Amino acid sequence: MTVPDPEEQDRRADAARSGPGGNEPARTDAAFDEIVAGWRAEPDAPRWPSDADSDAADRNSAGSADPAPRSGNRGRVPAEQPAEEEHFEPPEPPPMPTLRPRTVGGLLLIALGSLLLFAPGLAVVSERIGTPLGLLTLAGGIGWLVLGLRSGPPADSGWDDGAQL
């Protein structure tokens, strides 16, 4: 059993796609341009702003009798533009909630663990004792915060966990 060469398969597939003359991409581009031109000739076809600019430039260069640019808003009354743009002012953000004592304790343990781990000299502890003590304190602070996460239904009554089948 022989394994075919992937590069040879790619070359064969490219040759099959381009056909015997090898001008398949040119024919495809011409067909696509023809489809787009036919679509743009329809009166109800929407126009992109760049299409309107190119249509106006084509009319000016060709000397067309219709000087008005075509737009997708035919039959609609244009909305009035405000004299000056209104500046959006977002509402005031809600105040930060107060931290519970449990959260403050967990954050303090994390800070103490970081201090023991990265600067044991500031805590007047040798590095040999500060590293394991700092790692334990960090782990304890993270564990304390994770255990303090609320799990389960909210405290107020009327909670429903969805449909029961």
N, C-alpha and C. Protein backbone atom coordinates (compact mmCIF):
# COMPACT_ATOMS: atom_id res chain seq x y z
N MET A 1 0.85 -1.17 0.00
CA MET A 1 0.00 0.00 0.00
C MET A 1 0.89 1.23 0.00
N THR A 2 0.60 2.19 -0.88
CA THR A 2 1.40 3.41 -0.95
C THR A 2 0.59 4.57 -0.42
N VAL A 3 1.30 5.48 0.20
CA VAL A 3 0.66 6.67 0.74
C VAL A 3 0.84 7.80 -0.26
N PRO A 4 -0.25 8.46 -0.71
CA PRO A 4 -0.11 9.53 -1.69
C PRO A 4 0.55 10.76 -1.07
N ASP A 5 1.29 11.47 -1.90
CA ASP A 5 1.96 12.69 -1.47
C ASP A 5 0.95 13.82 -1.41
N PRO A 6 0.79 14.50 -0.24
CA PRO A 6 -0.22 15.57 -0.12
C PRO A 6 0.04 16.73 -1.07
N GLU A 7 1.31 17.06 -1.31
CA GLU A 7 1.60 18.18 -2.22
C GLU A 7 1.19 17.84 -3.65
N GLU A 8 1.39 16.57 -4.03
CA GLU A 8 1.00 16.16 -5.38
C GLU A 8 -0.52 16.21 -5.52
N GLN A 9 -1.24 15.82 -4.47
CA GLN A 9 -2.70 15.89 -4.51
C GLN A 9 -3.16 17.33 -4.64
N ASP A 10 -2.50 18.28 -3.93
CA ASP A 10 -2.86 19.69 -4.03
C ASP A 10 -2.66 20.19 -5.45
N ARG A 11 -1.52 19.82 -6.08
CA ARG A 11 -1.25 20.27 -7.45
C ARG A 11 -2.30 19.72 -8.40
N ARG A 12 -2.67 18.45 -8.22
CA ARG A 12 -3.70 17.85 -9.09
C ARG A 12 -5.04 18.55 -8.91
N ALA A 13 -5.39 18.85 -7.66
CA ALA A 13 -6.67 19.52 -7.39
C ALA A 13 -6.67 20.92 -8.00
N ASP A 14 -5.56 21.65 -7.90
CA ASP A 14 -5.47 22.98 -8.50
C ASP A 14 -5.59 22.90 -10.02
N ALA A 15 -4.95 21.92 -10.62
CA ALA A 15 -5.02 21.76 -12.07
C ALA A 15 -6.44 21.41 -12.49
N ALA A 16 -7.13 20.58 -11.72
CA ALA A 16 -8.51 20.21 -12.06
C ALA A 16 -9.44 21.40 -11.92
N ARG A 17 -9.19 22.25 -10.91
CA ARG A 17 -10.04 23.43 -10.72
C ARG A 17 -9.84 24.46 -11.82
N SER A 18 -8.60 24.65 -12.24
CA SER A 18 -8.34 25.68 -13.23
C SER A 18 -8.75 25.24 -14.63
N GLY A 19 -8.97 23.95 -14.83
CA GLY A 19 -9.44 23.46 -16.12
C GLY A 19 -8.29 23.35 -17.10
N PRO A 20 -8.62 22.91 -18.34
CA PRO A 20 -7.55 22.70 -19.32
C PRO A 20 -6.90 24.00 -19.76
N GLY A 21 -7.64 25.09 -19.83
CA GLY A 21 -7.07 26.35 -20.30
C GLY A 21 -6.32 27.08 -19.21
N GLY A 22 -6.62 26.79 -17.94
CA GLY A 22 -5.94 27.43 -16.83
C GLY A 22 -6.45 28.84 -16.54
N ASN A 23 -7.60 29.26 -17.10
CA ASN A 23 -8.11 30.61 -16.89
C ASN A 23 -9.39 30.62 -16.08
N GLU A 24 -9.58 29.63 -15.23
CA GLU A 24 -10.79 29.55 -14.41
C GLU A 24 -10.97 30.75 -13.50
N PRO A 25 -9.92 31.23 -12.79
CA PRO A 25 -10.13 32.40 -11.94
C PRO A 25 -10.57 33.64 -12.71
N ALA A 26 -10.08 33.83 -13.93
CA ALA A 26 -10.49 34.99 -14.72
C ALA A 26 -11.96 34.89 -15.11
N ARG A 27 -12.40 33.67 -15.48
CA ARG A 27 -13.82 33.49 -15.82
C ARG A 27 -14.70 33.70 -14.61
N THR A 28 -14.25 33.25 -13.45
CA THR A 28 -15.02 33.41 -12.23
C THR A 28 -15.14 34.88 -11.87
N ASP A 29 -14.05 35.63 -11.96
CA ASP A 29 -14.08 37.06 -11.66
C ASP A 29 -15.00 37.79 -12.62
N ALA A 30 -14.97 37.44 -13.89
CA ALA A 30 -15.83 38.10 -14.87
C ALA A 30 -17.30 37.80 -14.58
N ALA A 31 -17.59 36.54 -14.25
CA ALA A 31 -18.98 36.17 -13.93
C ALA A 31 -19.46 36.89 -12.68
N PHE A 32 -18.59 37.00 -11.67
CA PHE A 32 -18.95 37.70 -10.44
C PHE A 32 -19.21 39.17 -10.72
N ASP A 33 -18.33 39.80 -11.50
CA ASP A 33 -18.53 41.21 -11.84
C ASP A 33 -19.83 41.42 -12.60
N GLU A 34 -20.19 40.48 -13.46
CA GLU A 34 -21.44 40.58 -14.21
C GLU A 34 -22.64 40.48 -13.27
N ILE A 35 -22.57 39.57 -12.29
CA ILE A 35 -23.67 39.42 -11.33
C ILE A 35 -23.82 40.69 -10.50
N VAL A 36 -22.70 41.24 -10.03
CA VAL A 36 -22.75 42.45 -9.21
C VAL A 36 -23.29 43.63 -10.01
N ALA A 37 -22.88 43.77 -11.28
CA ALA A 37 -23.36 44.87 -12.11
C ALA A 37 -24.87 44.75 -12.33
N GLY A 38 -25.37 43.54 -12.55
CA GLY A 38 -26.80 43.34 -12.72
C GLY A 38 -27.57 43.66 -11.44
N TRP A 39 -26.98 43.31 -10.32
CA TRP A 39 -27.63 43.58 -9.04
C TRP A 39 -27.67 45.08 -8.77
N ARG A 40 -26.60 45.79 -9.08
CA ARG A 40 -26.57 47.24 -8.85
C ARG A 40 -27.50 47.99 -9.78
N ALA A 41 -27.84 47.40 -10.93
CA ALA A 41 -28.72 48.07 -11.88
C ALA A 41 -30.17 48.06 -11.41
N GLU A 42 -30.51 47.18 -10.47
CA GLU A 42 -31.88 47.14 -9.97
C GLU A 42 -32.17 48.40 -9.17
N PRO A 43 -33.38 48.98 -9.33
CA PRO A 43 -33.68 50.23 -8.63
C PRO A 43 -33.81 50.07 -7.11
N ASP A 44 -34.17 48.88 -6.62
CA ASP A 44 -34.36 48.69 -5.18
C ASP A 44 -33.12 48.19 -4.46
N ALA A 45 -32.02 48.04 -5.17
CA ALA A 45 -30.80 47.52 -4.53
C ALA A 45 -30.25 48.55 -3.55
N PRO A 46 -29.92 48.13 -2.32
CA PRO A 46 -29.35 49.07 -1.35
C PRO A 46 -27.97 49.54 -1.80
N ARG A 47 -27.61 50.71 -1.37
CA ARG A 47 -26.31 51.29 -1.74
C ARG A 47 -25.47 51.51 -0.50
N TRP A 48 -24.22 51.16 -0.57
CA TRP A 48 -23.26 51.47 0.48
C TRP A 48 -22.76 52.88 0.24
N PRO A 49 -22.29 53.57 1.27
CA PRO A 49 -21.78 54.92 1.05
C PRO A 49 -20.67 54.96 0.01
N SER A 50 -19.79 53.97 -0.02
CA SER A 50 -18.73 53.98 -1.02
C SER A 50 -19.30 53.77 -2.42
N ASP A 51 -20.43 53.01 -2.54
CA ASP A 51 -21.08 52.84 -3.84
C ASP A 51 -21.64 54.16 -4.34
N ALA A 52 -22.25 54.94 -3.45
CA ALA A 52 -22.81 56.22 -3.86
C ALA A 52 -21.71 57.16 -4.32
N ASP A 53 -20.57 57.15 -3.62
CA ASP A 53 -19.46 57.99 -4.03
C ASP A 53 -18.92 57.57 -5.38
N SER A 54 -18.80 56.26 -5.60
CA SER A 54 -18.27 55.80 -6.89
C SER A 54 -19.28 56.04 -8.00
N ASP A 55 -20.61 55.91 -7.70
CA ASP A 55 -21.63 56.20 -8.70
C ASP A 55 -21.59 57.68 -9.09
N ALA A 56 -21.44 58.56 -8.11
CA ALA A 56 -21.38 59.99 -8.41
C ALA A 56 -20.14 60.33 -9.23
N ALA A 57 -19.03 59.70 -8.90
CA ALA A 57 -17.81 59.94 -9.66
C ALA A 57 -17.95 59.42 -11.09
N ASP A 58 -18.62 58.25 -11.26
CA ASP A 58 -18.84 57.71 -12.60
C ASP A 58 -19.74 58.63 -13.41
N ARG A 59 -20.79 59.19 -12.79
CA ARG A 59 -21.69 60.08 -13.51
C ARG A 59 -21.00 61.37 -13.92
N ASN A 60 -20.19 61.92 -13.01
CA ASN A 60 -19.49 63.16 -13.34
C ASN A 60 -18.49 62.95 -14.46
N SER A 61 -17.82 61.82 -14.47
CA SER A 61 -16.83 61.59 -15.52
C SER A 61 -17.51 61.24 -16.83
N ALA A 62 -18.68 60.60 -16.81
CA ALA A 62 -19.37 60.20 -18.03
C ALA A 62 -20.29 61.30 -18.56
N GLY A 63 -20.54 62.35 -17.78
CA GLY A 63 -21.41 63.44 -18.23
C GLY A 63 -22.86 63.00 -18.28
N SER A 64 -23.33 62.28 -17.31
CA SER A 64 -24.68 61.75 -17.28
C SER A 64 -25.69 62.89 -17.13
N ALA A 65 -26.91 62.64 -17.62
CA ALA A 65 -27.96 63.66 -17.52
C ALA A 65 -28.58 63.66 -16.12
N ASP A 66 -28.43 62.59 -15.35
CA ASP A 66 -29.01 62.49 -14.02
C ASP A 66 -27.94 62.87 -12.99
N PRO A 67 -27.95 64.13 -12.51
CA PRO A 67 -26.89 64.55 -11.60
C PRO A 67 -27.10 64.07 -10.16
N ALA A 68 -28.31 63.66 -9.79
CA ALA A 68 -28.57 63.26 -8.40
C ALA A 68 -28.02 61.87 -8.15
N PRO A 69 -27.27 61.68 -7.07
CA PRO A 69 -26.76 60.34 -6.77
C PRO A 69 -27.90 59.44 -6.32
N ARG A 70 -27.79 58.18 -6.66
CA ARG A 70 -28.81 57.21 -6.28
C ARG A 70 -28.56 56.78 -4.85
N SER A 71 -29.62 56.61 -4.12
CA SER A 71 -29.48 56.17 -2.73
C SER A 71 -30.51 55.10 -2.44
N GLY A 72 -30.31 54.38 -1.35
CA GLY A 72 -31.22 53.32 -0.96
C GLY A 72 -32.44 53.87 -0.22
N ASN A 73 -32.56 55.19 -0.05
CA ASN A 73 -33.65 55.79 0.71
C ASN A 73 -34.73 56.35 -0.21
N ARG A 74 -34.97 55.76 -1.33
CA ARG A 74 -35.99 56.28 -2.26
C ARG A 74 -37.36 56.19 -1.62
N GLY A 75 -38.12 57.27 -1.74
CA GLY A 75 -39.47 57.30 -1.24
C GLY A 75 -39.56 57.57 0.25
N ARG A 76 -38.46 57.71 0.91
CA ARG A 76 -38.46 57.97 2.34
C ARG A 76 -38.03 59.40 2.59
N VAL A 77 -38.61 59.98 3.61
CA VAL A 77 -38.24 61.34 3.98
C VAL A 77 -36.98 61.25 4.84
N PRO A 78 -35.92 61.99 4.48
CA PRO A 78 -34.71 61.89 5.28
C PRO A 78 -34.94 62.46 6.67
N ALA A 79 -34.34 61.83 7.65
CA ALA A 79 -34.46 62.29 9.04
C ALA A 79 -33.67 63.59 9.20
N GLU A 80 -34.22 64.47 10.01
CA GLU A 80 -33.54 65.74 10.22
C GLU A 80 -32.31 65.52 11.08
N GLN A 81 -31.22 66.12 10.68
CA GLN A 81 -29.99 66.02 11.44
C GLN A 81 -29.99 67.10 12.51
N PRO A 82 -29.61 66.77 13.73
CA PRO A 82 -29.56 67.80 14.77
C PRO A 82 -28.47 68.82 14.43
N ALA A 83 -28.71 70.06 14.87
CA ALA A 83 -27.77 71.13 14.57
C ALA A 83 -26.38 70.82 15.12
N GLU A 84 -26.32 70.31 16.31
CA GLU A 84 -25.04 69.90 16.87
C GLU A 84 -25.23 68.52 17.48
N GLU A 85 -24.19 67.73 17.44
CA GLU A 85 -24.29 66.38 17.96
C GLU A 85 -24.47 66.40 19.47
N GLU A 86 -25.38 65.55 19.93
CA GLU A 86 -25.58 65.43 21.36
C GLU A 86 -24.49 64.52 21.91
N HIS A 87 -23.94 64.91 23.02
CA HIS A 87 -22.89 64.10 23.64
C HIS A 87 -23.52 63.19 24.68
N PHE A 88 -23.22 61.88 24.59
CA PHE A 88 -23.79 60.92 25.51
C PHE A 88 -23.03 60.97 26.82
N GLU A 89 -23.77 61.17 27.88
CA GLU A 89 -23.20 61.16 29.22
C GLU A 89 -23.73 59.91 29.92
N PRO A 90 -22.87 58.94 30.21
CA PRO A 90 -23.37 57.73 30.87
C PRO A 90 -23.83 58.02 32.28
N PRO A 91 -24.77 57.24 32.77
CA PRO A 91 -25.25 57.48 34.14
C PRO A 91 -24.15 57.17 35.15
N GLU A 92 -24.33 57.70 36.32
CA GLU A 92 -23.38 57.49 37.41
C GLU A 92 -23.36 56.00 37.76
N PRO A 93 -22.19 55.37 37.89
CA PRO A 93 -22.17 53.94 38.23
C PRO A 93 -22.65 53.72 39.66
N PRO A 94 -23.19 52.55 39.92
CA PRO A 94 -23.66 52.30 41.28
C PRO A 94 -22.47 52.26 42.24
N PRO A 95 -22.71 52.55 43.49
CA PRO A 95 -21.59 52.54 44.45
C PRO A 95 -21.08 51.12 44.66
N MET A 96 -19.80 51.03 44.99
CA MET A 96 -19.20 49.72 45.27
C MET A 96 -19.85 49.14 46.53
N PRO A 97 -20.14 47.87 46.51
CA PRO A 97 -20.73 47.27 47.72
C PRO A 97 -19.68 47.20 48.82
N THR A 98 -20.14 47.24 50.05
CA THR A 98 -19.22 47.14 51.17
C THR A 98 -18.76 45.69 51.29
N LEU A 99 -17.49 45.53 51.64
CA LEU A 99 -16.93 44.20 51.76
C LEU A 99 -17.36 43.58 53.08
N ARG A 100 -17.67 42.30 53.04
CA ARG A 100 -18.01 41.57 54.25
C ARG A 100 -16.73 41.30 55.04
N PRO A 101 -16.82 41.13 56.32
CA PRO A 101 -15.63 40.84 57.13
C PRO A 101 -14.90 39.58 56.67
N ARG A 102 -15.63 38.60 56.19
CA ARG A 102 -15.02 37.37 55.68
C ARG A 102 -14.14 37.67 54.47
N THR A 103 -14.60 38.54 53.57
CA THR A 103 -13.83 38.91 52.39
C THR A 103 -12.59 39.69 52.78
N VAL A 104 -12.73 40.61 53.71
CA VAL A 104 -11.58 41.40 54.16
C VAL A 104 -10.53 40.48 54.78
N GLY A 105 -10.95 39.49 55.56
CA GLY A 105 -10.02 38.54 56.16
C GLY A 105 -9.27 37.73 55.11
N GLY A 106 -9.98 37.28 54.06
CA GLY A 106 -9.33 36.53 52.98
C GLY A 106 -8.32 37.38 52.24
N LEU A 107 -8.67 38.64 51.97
CA LEU A 107 -7.73 39.53 51.28
C LEU A 107 -6.51 39.83 52.14
N LEU A 108 -6.71 39.99 53.44
CA LEU A 108 -5.56 40.22 54.33
C LEU A 108 -4.64 39.00 54.38
N LEU A 109 -5.21 37.80 54.38
CA LEU A 109 -4.38 36.59 54.35
C LEU A 109 -3.57 36.52 53.05
N ILE A 110 -4.17 36.87 51.94
CA ILE A 110 -3.45 36.87 50.66
C ILE A 110 -2.33 37.91 50.69
N ALA A 111 -2.60 39.08 51.23
CA ALA A 111 -1.56 40.12 51.31
C ALA A 111 -0.41 39.68 52.23
N LEU A 112 -0.74 39.08 53.37
CA LEU A 112 0.29 38.60 54.29
C LEU A 112 1.11 37.47 53.67
N GLY A 113 0.44 36.57 52.95
CA GLY A 113 1.14 35.48 52.27
C GLY A 113 2.07 36.01 51.20
N SER A 114 1.64 37.02 50.44
CA SER A 114 2.50 37.62 49.42
C SER A 114 3.70 38.29 50.06
N LEU A 115 3.49 38.97 51.17
CA LEU A 115 4.60 39.62 51.88
C LEU A 115 5.60 38.59 52.37
N LEU A 116 5.12 37.50 52.97
CA LEU A 116 6.02 36.46 53.45
C LEU A 116 6.76 35.76 52.32
N LEU A 117 6.11 35.65 51.17
CA LEU A 117 6.70 34.94 50.05
C LEU A 117 7.73 35.80 49.32
N PHE A 118 7.43 37.07 49.08
CA PHE A 118 8.29 37.91 48.24
C PHE A 118 9.25 38.78 49.05
N ALA A 119 8.91 39.12 50.27
CA ALA A 119 9.80 39.96 51.09
C ALA A 119 9.78 39.47 52.53
N PRO A 120 10.37 38.31 52.79
CA PRO A 120 10.32 37.78 54.16
C PRO A 120 11.12 38.64 55.14
N GLY A 121 12.06 39.41 54.65
CA GLY A 121 12.85 40.27 55.53
C GLY A 121 12.02 41.37 56.17
N LEU A 122 10.98 41.83 55.49
CA LEU A 122 10.11 42.87 56.05
C LEU A 122 9.29 42.33 57.22
N ALA A 123 9.00 41.06 57.20
CA ALA A 123 8.23 40.44 58.29
C ALA A 123 9.15 39.87 59.36
N VAL A 124 10.45 40.15 59.25
CA VAL A 124 11.48 39.68 60.20
C VAL A 124 11.42 38.16 60.33
N VAL A 125 11.40 37.50 59.20
CA VAL A 125 11.38 36.04 59.14
C VAL A 125 12.44 35.63 58.12
N SER A 126 13.12 34.54 58.39
CA SER A 126 14.13 34.08 57.42
C SER A 126 13.42 33.55 56.18
N GLU A 127 14.17 33.52 55.08
CA GLU A 127 13.59 33.07 53.82
C GLU A 127 13.20 31.60 53.89
N ARG A 128 13.94 30.84 54.64
CA ARG A 128 13.67 29.40 54.76
C ARG A 128 12.33 29.14 55.45
N ILE A 129 11.96 29.98 56.38
CA ILE A 129 10.68 29.84 57.06
C ILE A 129 9.58 30.63 56.34
N GLY A 130 9.94 31.76 55.72
CA GLY A 130 8.97 32.64 55.07
C GLY A 130 8.33 32.03 53.84
N THR A 131 9.10 31.25 53.05
CA THR A 131 8.54 30.70 51.82
C THR A 131 7.41 29.71 52.09
N PRO A 132 7.63 28.67 52.91
CA PRO A 132 6.49 27.75 53.15
C PRO A 132 5.34 28.41 53.91
N LEU A 133 5.69 29.30 54.85
CA LEU A 133 4.65 29.99 55.60
C LEU A 133 3.84 30.91 54.68
N GLY A 134 4.53 31.58 53.73
CA GLY A 134 3.84 32.45 52.77
C GLY A 134 2.94 31.66 51.84
N LEU A 135 3.42 30.48 51.38
CA LEU A 135 2.59 29.65 50.51
C LEU A 135 1.36 29.14 51.24
N LEU A 136 1.53 28.73 52.49
CA LEU A 136 0.38 28.27 53.28
C LEU A 136 -0.61 29.41 53.53
N THR A 137 -0.10 30.60 53.82
CA THR A 137 -0.97 31.74 54.07
C THR A 137 -1.73 32.14 52.80
N LEU A 138 -1.02 32.13 51.66
CA LEU A 138 -1.70 32.42 50.38
C LEU A 138 -2.80 31.40 50.11
N ALA A 139 -2.47 30.14 50.26
CA ALA A 139 -3.47 29.08 50.02
C ALA A 139 -4.65 29.22 50.99
N GLY A 140 -4.35 29.57 52.24
CA GLY A 140 -5.43 29.75 53.20
C GLY A 140 -6.33 30.92 52.84
N GLY A 141 -5.75 32.02 52.37
CA GLY A 141 -6.56 33.18 51.97
C GLY A 141 -7.42 32.88 50.77
N ILE A 142 -6.84 32.19 49.79
CA ILE A 142 -7.62 31.84 48.59
C ILE A 142 -8.73 30.87 48.98
N GLY A 143 -8.41 29.88 49.81
CA GLY A 143 -9.42 28.92 50.25
C GLY A 143 -10.53 29.59 51.05
N TRP A 144 -10.16 30.54 51.89
CA TRP A 144 -11.14 31.28 52.68
C TRP A 144 -12.11 32.05 51.78
N LEU A 145 -11.57 32.67 50.72
CA LEU A 145 -12.42 33.41 49.78
C LEU A 145 -13.32 32.47 48.99
N VAL A 146 -12.78 31.33 48.57
CA VAL A 146 -13.58 30.38 47.79
C VAL A 146 -14.70 29.80 48.65
N LEU A 147 -14.38 29.47 49.90
CA LEU A 147 -15.42 28.93 50.79
C LEU A 147 -16.50 29.97 51.11
N GLY A 148 -16.14 31.23 51.01
CA GLY A 148 -17.11 32.29 51.28
C GLY A 148 -18.03 32.60 50.12
N LEU A 149 -17.77 31.98 48.95
CA LEU A 149 -18.66 32.21 47.82
C LEU A 149 -20.04 31.69 48.13
N ARG A 150 -21.02 32.39 47.65
CA ARG A 150 -22.40 31.98 47.90
C ARG A 150 -22.75 30.84 46.95
N SER A 151 -23.17 29.74 47.50
CA SER A 151 -23.64 28.64 46.68
C SER A 151 -25.04 28.27 47.16
N GLY A 152 -25.91 28.05 46.23
CA GLY A 152 -27.28 27.71 46.60
C GLY A 152 -28.22 28.86 46.31
N PRO A 153 -29.47 28.68 46.67
CA PRO A 153 -30.48 29.69 46.37
C PRO A 153 -30.28 30.95 47.21
N PRO A 154 -30.78 32.08 46.70
CA PRO A 154 -30.69 33.32 47.46
C PRO A 154 -31.46 33.20 48.79
N ALA A 155 -31.14 34.07 49.72
CA ALA A 155 -31.74 34.01 51.05
C ALA A 155 -33.23 34.35 51.03
N ASP A 156 -33.68 35.24 50.13
CA ASP A 156 -35.09 35.62 50.15
C ASP A 156 -35.96 34.50 49.60
N SER A 157 -37.17 34.41 50.10
CA SER A 157 -38.06 33.31 49.74
C SER A 157 -38.61 33.51 48.33
N GLY A 158 -39.19 32.45 47.80
CA GLY A 158 -39.80 32.52 46.48
C GLY A 158 -38.84 32.13 45.38
N TRP A 159 -37.68 31.62 45.74
CA TRP A 159 -36.71 31.23 44.71
C TRP A 159 -37.15 29.95 44.04
N ASP A 160 -36.98 29.88 42.73
CA ASP A 160 -37.36 28.71 41.97
C ASP A 160 -36.18 28.34 41.08
N ASP A 161 -35.79 27.08 41.06
CA ASP A 161 -34.65 26.68 40.26
C ASP A 161 -35.05 26.21 38.87
N GLY A 162 -36.22 26.53 38.41
CA GLY A 162 -36.63 26.21 37.06
C GLY A 162 -37.65 25.09 37.02
N ALA A 163 -37.93 24.64 35.81
CA ALA A 163 -38.96 23.62 35.61
C ALA A 163 -38.47 22.27 36.14
N GLN A 164 -39.35 21.51 36.72
CA GLN A 164 -39.05 20.18 37.20
C GLN A 164 -39.76 19.20 36.31
N LEU A 165 -39.04 18.28 35.75
CA LEU A 165 -39.64 17.27 34.86
C LEU A 165 -39.88 16.00 35.58
